[in-house]
Amino acid sequence: MRGASIFWFIFSSGGILVSLLTGVLWLYARPRSRWPRAFLAVIAIAYTLASVYAVPHLFAGWLADGFRPLTSADVPPGRSVVVLLGSGSYRRSDWANASYSVLDPIGAERTLEAARVFRLIHPELVISSGGSIDPDEPEDPSGDTMKELLLRLGIPDEKIIVERESRNTRDEATAIAAMLPTLGADHVVLVTSPIHMRRSMGMFRAVGITAIPAIARDPEYSSWTVTLLPSQTGLRLTSLVVHEALGLLYYRLRGWYV
């Protein structure tokens, strides 16, 4: 199992079950020891906090601090290019091998924002960026799937370029930096999720691109059952927040973030 897969597994129902089973087996093997009991207590408290949406939402706010929805006044005159960063997609097939791909929720949010930005500032092009994250999984490149949604949202085909080789944000920044000189762009508008924007901007600066941020709109929950009770929604947000926080640290240490 690859490093990223292990990370996402930790913040899943499978990770919870494996952690609890480890504690139970430890307690069975050492019934008089206090350490397995302490381990189980820490696991229970940690996963409870991680799965309550309001907790990671506070940290997500810190990661997104300083970014706001793009307005037309944010983009100076000149030729602009919108860069849409991919997230992921799912492909499913029937028994005749006819297939259909859909974006994950984050990818859909980003694509909707890219379409809004296109109508707002009328850029020269939209670069729909994102390859297959895991080559062992039968998924289409998210760049292609996002393009399909952009077309449905009214963006002309001739205004869309697809980058489908990247597997992570650093790959995307490198690929976009190689493409831009031939496009004659004066400004780059970068579209991604609020908590992902800080790391993305730093990586694009590291490859020589000073981008204008355009954050997608996150879902909003008003029900207390979602925000204050443990849920898969909260656990998923925790995984995203931890991934971004560790990613910021890792990319700084590697010199990939400026």
Protein backbone atom coordinates (compact mmCIF):
# COMPACT_ATOMS: atom_id res chain seq x y z
CA MET A 1 0.00 0.00 0.00
CA ARG A 2 1.38 3.37 -1.00
CA GLY A 3 2.08 6.18 1.45
CA ALA A 4 -0.89 8.32 0.37
CA SER A 5 -3.21 5.32 0.53
CA ILE A 6 -2.09 4.56 4.08
CA PHE A 7 -2.73 8.17 5.04
CA TRP A 8 -6.29 8.17 3.70
CA PHE A 9 -6.88 4.76 5.32
CA ILE A 10 -6.08 6.17 8.77
CA PHE A 11 -8.95 8.63 8.49
CA SER A 12 -11.56 6.10 7.42
CA SER A 13 -13.91 3.62 9.04
CA GLY A 14 -11.33 0.95 8.28
CA GLY A 15 -8.68 2.92 10.16
CA ILE A 16 -10.97 3.23 13.16
CA LEU A 17 -11.73 -0.50 13.21
CA VAL A 18 -8.07 -1.51 12.86
CA SER A 19 -7.08 0.88 15.68
CA LEU A 20 -9.78 -0.44 17.99
CA LEU A 21 -8.97 -4.06 17.12
CA THR A 22 -5.29 -3.39 17.88
CA GLY A 23 -6.24 -2.02 21.29
CA VAL A 24 -8.54 -4.95 22.05
CA LEU A 25 -5.90 -7.52 21.09
CA TRP A 26 -3.32 -5.65 23.15
CA LEU A 27 -5.69 -5.65 26.13
CA TYR A 28 -6.37 -9.36 25.68
CA ALA A 29 -2.63 -10.09 25.62
CA ARG A 30 -1.87 -7.79 28.57
CA PRO A 31 -5.07 -7.67 30.65
CA ARG A 32 -3.40 -6.17 33.70
CA SER A 33 -1.51 -3.44 31.89
CA ARG A 34 -2.86 0.10 31.87
CA TRP A 35 -1.31 0.93 28.50
CA PRO A 36 -3.83 -0.85 26.24
CA ARG A 37 -6.65 0.84 28.18
CA ALA A 38 -4.96 4.20 27.73
CA PHE A 39 -4.44 3.46 24.04
CA LEU A 40 -8.14 2.65 23.57
CA ALA A 41 -9.17 5.81 25.40
CA VAL A 42 -6.90 7.98 23.24
CA ILE A 43 -8.16 6.31 20.06
CA ALA A 44 -11.79 6.83 21.08
CA ILE A 45 -11.25 10.51 21.94
CA ALA A 46 -9.09 11.25 18.90
CA TYR A 47 -11.45 9.71 16.37
CA THR A 48 -14.46 11.32 18.03
CA LEU A 49 -12.90 14.77 17.71
CA ALA A 50 -11.75 14.02 14.17
CA SER A 51 -15.25 13.02 13.09
CA VAL A 52 -17.09 16.03 14.57
CA TYR A 53 -17.27 18.43 11.62
CA ALA A 54 -17.01 21.59 13.72
CA VAL A 55 -13.51 20.61 14.91
CA PRO A 56 -11.68 20.29 11.56
CA HIS A 57 -13.80 23.18 10.23
CA LEU A 58 -11.96 25.51 12.63
CA PHE A 59 -8.58 24.43 11.25
CA ALA A 60 -9.87 24.59 7.67
CA GLY A 61 -10.71 28.22 8.32
CA TRP A 62 -7.08 28.88 9.25
CA LEU A 63 -5.81 27.24 6.06
CA ALA A 64 -8.23 29.31 3.98
CA ASP A 65 -7.64 32.57 5.86
CA GLY A 66 -7.00 35.53 3.57
CA PHE A 67 -8.70 34.07 0.50
CA ARG A 68 -12.10 35.19 -0.77
CA PRO A 69 -14.27 34.73 -3.85
CA LEU A 70 -12.79 36.29 -6.99
CA THR A 71 -14.25 39.51 -8.37
CA SER A 72 -13.59 41.09 -11.75
CA ALA A 73 -11.62 43.87 -10.04
CA ASP A 74 -9.06 41.28 -8.86
CA VAL A 75 -7.84 40.63 -12.41
CA PRO A 76 -5.86 43.43 -14.12
CA PRO A 77 -6.33 44.19 -17.83
CA GLY A 78 -4.54 41.90 -20.24
CA ARG A 79 -4.63 38.31 -21.46
CA SER A 80 -5.61 35.94 -18.69
CA VAL A 81 -5.65 32.17 -18.39
CA VAL A 82 -7.70 30.25 -15.85
CA VAL A 83 -6.00 27.19 -14.36
CA LEU A 84 -8.42 24.66 -12.87
CA LEU A 85 -6.78 22.14 -10.55
CA GLY A 86 -8.29 18.68 -10.51
CA SER A 87 -9.29 16.54 -7.57
CA GLY A 88 -10.55 13.17 -8.73
CA SER A 89 -13.15 11.34 -10.77
CA TYR A 90 -14.93 8.02 -10.82
CA ARG A 91 -15.51 5.83 -13.87
CA ARG A 92 -18.10 3.08 -13.94
CA SER A 93 -18.95 0.62 -16.73
CA ASP A 94 -21.85 -1.61 -17.69
CA TRP A 95 -21.66 -5.21 -18.96
CA ALA A 96 -21.18 -3.94 -22.53
CA ASN A 97 -18.14 -1.93 -21.31
CA ALA A 98 -19.88 1.38 -21.92
CA SER A 99 -18.41 3.74 -19.33
CA TYR A 100 -19.26 7.04 -17.71
CA SER A 101 -17.12 9.30 -15.50
CA VAL A 102 -18.23 11.77 -12.85
CA LEU A 103 -16.23 14.17 -10.72
CA ASP A 104 -15.85 13.79 -6.99
CA PRO A 105 -17.56 16.57 -4.97
CA ILE A 106 -14.39 18.65 -4.65
CA GLY A 107 -13.73 18.47 -8.37
CA ALA A 108 -17.31 19.51 -9.09
CA GLU A 109 -17.01 22.52 -6.77
CA ARG A 110 -13.80 23.65 -8.47
CA THR A 111 -15.21 23.21 -11.96
CA LEU A 112 -18.32 25.23 -11.11
CA GLU A 113 -16.08 28.03 -9.87
CA ALA A 114 -13.94 27.89 -13.03
CA ALA A 115 -17.08 28.32 -15.12
CA ARG A 116 -18.17 31.29 -12.99
CA VAL A 117 -14.72 32.87 -13.35
CA PHE A 118 -14.81 32.33 -17.12
CA ARG A 119 -18.10 34.20 -17.40
CA LEU A 120 -16.80 36.90 -15.05
CA ILE A 121 -13.45 37.79 -16.62
CA HIS A 122 -13.63 36.25 -20.15
CA PRO A 123 -10.14 34.69 -20.19
CA GLU A 124 -8.32 33.53 -23.29
CA LEU A 125 -8.28 29.91 -22.12
CA VAL A 126 -9.14 27.52 -19.31
CA ILE A 127 -6.55 24.85 -18.53
CA SER A 128 -8.33 21.83 -17.08
CA SER A 129 -5.54 20.12 -15.18
CA GLY A 130 -5.43 16.68 -13.62
CA GLY A 131 -4.35 13.17 -14.52
CA SER A 132 -5.14 9.80 -13.01
CA ILE A 133 -4.04 9.86 -9.38
CA ASP A 134 -3.48 6.12 -9.16
CA PRO A 135 -2.57 4.34 -12.43
CA ASP A 136 -3.77 1.05 -10.91
CA GLU A 137 -7.31 2.41 -10.58
CA PRO A 138 -9.56 2.43 -13.67
CA GLU A 139 -10.35 6.14 -13.57
CA ASP A 140 -10.23 8.72 -16.34
CA PRO A 141 -7.94 11.75 -15.92
CA SER A 142 -9.82 14.37 -13.93
CA GLY A 143 -8.76 16.98 -16.50
CA ASP A 144 -10.92 15.23 -19.11
CA THR A 145 -13.87 14.79 -16.76
CA MET A 146 -13.73 18.44 -15.69
CA LYS A 147 -13.68 19.46 -19.36
CA GLU A 148 -16.92 17.54 -19.94
CA LEU A 149 -18.58 19.51 -17.14
CA LEU A 150 -17.13 22.80 -18.40
CA LEU A 151 -18.67 22.12 -21.82
CA ARG A 152 -22.04 21.39 -20.20
CA LEU A 153 -21.73 24.69 -18.32
CA GLY A 154 -21.37 26.58 -21.59
CA ILE A 155 -17.60 27.00 -21.93
CA PRO A 156 -16.65 26.69 -25.65
CA ASP A 157 -14.52 23.69 -26.56
CA GLU A 158 -11.90 25.85 -28.27
CA LYS A 159 -11.37 27.73 -24.99
CA ILE A 160 -10.36 24.61 -23.03
CA ILE A 161 -6.95 22.93 -22.86
CA VAL A 162 -6.59 19.66 -20.95
CA GLU A 163 -3.49 18.70 -18.96
CA ARG A 164 -3.81 15.00 -18.13
CA GLU A 165 -0.34 13.80 -17.12
CA SER A 166 -0.05 15.19 -13.57
CA ARG A 167 -0.70 13.05 -10.50
CA ASN A 168 -0.40 15.68 -7.77
CA THR A 169 -0.36 19.45 -7.31
CA ARG A 170 3.39 19.75 -7.78
CA ASP A 171 3.11 17.94 -11.11
CA GLU A 172 0.35 20.34 -12.09
CA ALA A 173 2.42 23.40 -11.23
CA THR A 174 5.38 22.07 -13.23
CA ALA A 175 3.22 21.15 -16.23
CA ILE A 176 1.43 24.51 -16.25
CA ALA A 177 4.74 26.39 -16.03
CA ALA A 178 5.90 24.56 -19.15
CA MET A 179 2.68 25.38 -21.02
CA LEU A 180 2.32 29.08 -20.22
CA PRO A 181 5.16 30.55 -22.35
CA THR A 182 3.39 29.43 -25.54
CA LEU A 183 0.03 30.86 -24.44
CA GLY A 184 1.09 34.48 -24.04
CA ALA A 185 -0.77 34.98 -20.78
CA ASP A 186 -0.33 38.15 -18.77
CA HIS A 187 -2.20 36.78 -15.74
CA VAL A 188 -2.98 33.35 -14.31
CA VAL A 189 -6.13 32.84 -12.28
CA LEU A 190 -5.83 29.73 -10.13
CA VAL A 191 -9.01 27.86 -9.20
CA THR A 192 -8.99 25.34 -6.37
CA SER A 193 -10.55 24.64 -2.97
CA PRO A 194 -10.08 27.13 -0.10
CA ILE A 195 -7.95 24.85 2.08
CA HIS A 196 -5.87 23.79 -0.94
CA MET A 197 -5.21 27.32 -2.18
CA ARG A 198 -2.38 28.23 0.21
CA ARG A 199 -0.26 25.23 -0.75
CA SER A 200 -1.13 25.60 -4.44
CA MET A 201 -0.15 29.28 -4.55
CA GLY A 202 3.17 28.48 -2.88
CA MET A 203 3.96 25.70 -5.34
CA PHE A 204 3.07 27.86 -8.33
CA ARG A 205 5.30 30.64 -7.00
CA ALA A 206 8.10 28.06 -6.66
CA VAL A 207 7.92 27.40 -10.43
CA GLY A 208 7.78 31.10 -11.28
CA ILE A 209 4.02 31.69 -11.53
CA THR A 210 2.39 34.45 -9.48
CA ALA A 211 -1.27 33.47 -9.66
CA ILE A 212 -4.47 35.23 -8.70
CA PRO A 213 -6.49 33.00 -6.36
CA ALA A 214 -10.10 32.05 -7.07
CA ILE A 215 -11.46 29.79 -4.35
CA ALA A 216 -14.30 27.38 -5.00
CA ARG A 217 -17.29 27.43 -2.70
CA ASP A 218 -17.30 24.81 0.04
CA PRO A 219 -20.55 23.10 1.06
CA GLU A 220 -22.35 24.71 3.99
CA TYR A 221 -24.07 22.72 6.72
CA SER A 222 -26.64 24.24 9.07
CA SER A 223 -27.89 21.09 10.78
CA TRP A 224 -26.40 20.46 14.22
CA THR A 225 -26.51 16.72 13.54
CA VAL A 226 -23.88 17.24 10.84
CA THR A 227 -21.75 19.86 12.57
CA LEU A 228 -21.77 18.59 16.16
CA LEU A 229 -22.17 14.80 15.95
CA PRO A 230 -19.54 12.34 14.71
CA SER A 231 -19.96 11.64 11.01
CA GLN A 232 -18.13 10.53 7.91
CA THR A 233 -18.37 14.14 6.71
CA GLY A 234 -16.32 15.34 9.68
CA LEU A 235 -13.80 12.54 9.29
CA ARG A 236 -13.37 13.35 5.62
CA LEU A 237 -12.74 17.03 6.36
CA THR A 238 -10.18 16.08 9.02
CA SER A 239 -8.33 13.96 6.48
CA LEU A 240 -8.24 16.88 4.04
CA VAL A 241 -7.06 19.36 6.70
CA VAL A 242 -4.31 17.06 7.98
CA HIS A 243 -3.26 16.29 4.41
CA GLU A 244 -2.91 20.00 3.63
CA ALA A 245 -1.09 20.80 6.89
CA LEU A 246 1.42 17.99 6.40
CA GLY A 247 1.70 18.88 2.73
CA LEU A 248 2.64 22.47 3.57
CA LEU A 249 5.37 21.24 5.91
CA TYR A 250 6.67 18.63 3.46
CA TYR A 251 6.79 20.99 0.49
CA ARG A 252 8.54 23.66 2.54
CA LEU A 253 11.20 21.17 3.60
CA ARG A 254 11.69 20.03 -0.02
CA GLY A 255 11.91 23.62 -1.28
CA TRP A 256 8.80 23.22 -3.43
CA TYR A 257 6.88 25.96 -1.61
CA VAL A 258 7.72 29.67 -1.71
